[in-house]
């Protein structure tokens, strides 16, 4: 399975603030960790992502590089918030054997 394409799909759904499709990509015990959030479990992760969506008018993720090693993809991305604020981030996304997201760890650069 090409997990890089799964990451691109995830970033597209996230950029569209499409919570339903974002969550369809996740495994039940999914984990999300970044500089503000440490969420575990599908319902808690969904609330954390909805909080992000509710606090921005727009969010656009531009993938710069994606590197896959086994079931993990390291993604250098640029995030544009409200068409003004830019963040450089590295996401480390791990998938289960069926191609569902097990964990997302995000680091500001």
Protein backbone atom coordinates (compact mmCIF):
# COMPACT_ATOMS: atom_id res chain seq x y z
CA UNK A 1 0.00 0.00 0.00
CA UNK A 2 1.31 3.45 -0.88
CA UNK A 3 1.07 5.22 2.46
CA UNK A 4 2.39 8.47 0.99
CA UNK A 5 -0.83 8.71 -1.02
CA UNK A 6 -2.82 8.03 2.15
CA UNK A 7 -1.03 10.99 3.77
CA UNK A 8 -1.86 13.22 0.81
CA UNK A 9 -5.49 12.15 1.12
CA UNK A 10 -5.43 12.94 4.86
CA UNK A 11 -3.90 16.39 4.25
CA UNK A 12 -6.54 17.12 1.61
CA UNK A 13 -9.40 16.20 3.97
CA UNK A 14 -7.77 18.20 6.77
CA UNK A 15 -7.36 21.25 4.52
CA UNK A 16 -11.05 21.00 3.64
CA UNK A 17 -11.95 20.73 7.34
CA UNK A 18 -13.71 17.48 6.44
CA UNK A 19 -13.87 15.83 9.86
CA UNK A 20 -15.90 12.84 8.66
CA UNK A 21 -13.33 11.76 6.07
CA UNK A 22 -10.41 12.59 8.37
CA UNK A 23 -11.85 10.28 11.01
CA UNK A 24 -12.66 7.54 8.47
CA UNK A 25 -8.93 7.32 7.85
CA UNK A 26 -8.16 6.66 11.54
CA UNK A 27 -7.89 3.49 13.57
CA UNK A 28 -10.03 3.32 16.75
CA UNK A 29 -7.17 3.71 19.26
CA UNK A 30 -5.60 6.52 17.18
CA UNK A 31 -3.26 8.98 18.93
CA UNK A 32 -2.59 12.64 18.11
CA UNK A 33 0.27 14.53 19.70
CA UNK A 34 1.58 17.99 18.91
CA UNK A 35 2.85 21.04 20.80
CA UNK A 36 -0.65 21.71 22.22
CA UNK A 37 -2.49 18.38 22.09
CA UNK A 38 -1.99 14.89 23.50
CA UNK A 39 -5.14 12.95 22.55
CA UNK A 40 -5.76 9.20 22.60
CA UNK A 41 -8.77 7.35 21.25
CA UNK A 42 -11.02 8.11 18.30
CA UNK A 43 -13.53 10.34 20.14
CA UNK A 44 -10.85 12.39 21.92
CA UNK A 45 -8.84 12.83 18.72
CA UNK A 46 -12.00 13.87 16.88
CA UNK A 47 -12.70 16.54 19.53
CA UNK A 48 -9.10 17.78 19.30
CA UNK A 49 -9.27 18.09 15.52
CA UNK A 50 -12.70 19.75 15.67
CA UNK A 51 -11.21 22.26 18.12
CA UNK A 52 -8.54 23.09 15.55
CA UNK A 53 -11.15 23.45 12.79
CA UNK A 54 -13.38 25.64 14.98
CA UNK A 55 -10.52 28.00 15.84
CA UNK A 56 -9.52 28.82 12.27
CA UNK A 57 -11.40 30.17 9.28
CA UNK A 58 -9.14 28.35 6.82
CA UNK A 59 -6.31 25.88 7.03
CA UNK A 60 -4.23 24.73 4.06
CA UNK A 61 -1.61 22.01 4.27
CA UNK A 62 1.03 21.91 1.56
CA UNK A 63 3.17 18.75 1.61
CA UNK A 64 6.81 19.48 0.82
CA UNK A 65 8.47 16.06 1.26
CA UNK A 66 7.15 12.64 2.22
CA UNK A 67 9.41 9.76 3.18
CA UNK A 68 8.05 6.28 3.91
CA UNK A 69 9.75 3.63 6.01
CA UNK A 70 7.62 0.53 6.63
CA UNK A 71 4.29 1.73 8.10
CA UNK A 72 5.50 5.24 8.95
CA UNK A 73 5.59 8.34 6.76
CA UNK A 74 7.56 11.45 7.74
CA UNK A 75 6.00 14.50 6.15
CA UNK A 76 7.55 17.94 5.93
CA UNK A 77 4.58 20.26 5.49
CA UNK A 78 3.73 23.93 5.39
CA UNK A 79 0.48 24.96 7.08
CA UNK A 80 -1.20 28.23 6.15
CA UNK A 81 -3.79 29.39 8.69
CA UNK A 82 -6.39 32.01 7.78
CA UNK A 83 -4.34 32.83 4.66
CA UNK A 84 -1.87 34.69 6.89
CA UNK A 85 -0.03 32.62 9.50
CA UNK A 86 2.44 30.03 8.27
CA UNK A 87 3.79 27.09 10.24
CA UNK A 88 6.56 24.74 9.17
CA UNK A 89 5.82 21.31 10.62
CA UNK A 90 7.01 17.72 10.44
CA UNK A 91 4.28 15.11 10.83
CA UNK A 92 5.22 11.53 11.65
CA UNK A 93 2.21 9.42 10.68
CA UNK A 94 2.08 5.72 11.50
CA UNK A 95 -0.43 3.37 9.89
CA UNK A 96 -1.75 -0.05 10.89
CA UNK A 97 -1.56 -3.07 8.58
CA UNK A 98 -4.87 -2.10 6.93
CA UNK A 99 -3.74 1.44 6.04
CA UNK A 100 -5.58 3.27 8.84
CA UNK A 101 -3.81 5.98 10.82
CA UNK A 102 -2.56 4.72 14.22
CA UNK A 103 -0.76 7.86 15.31
CA UNK A 104 0.12 11.37 14.25
CA UNK A 105 2.96 13.20 15.93
CA UNK A 106 3.52 16.78 14.80
CA UNK A 107 6.60 18.90 15.48
CA UNK A 108 7.09 22.59 14.74
CA UNK A 109 10.27 23.35 12.82
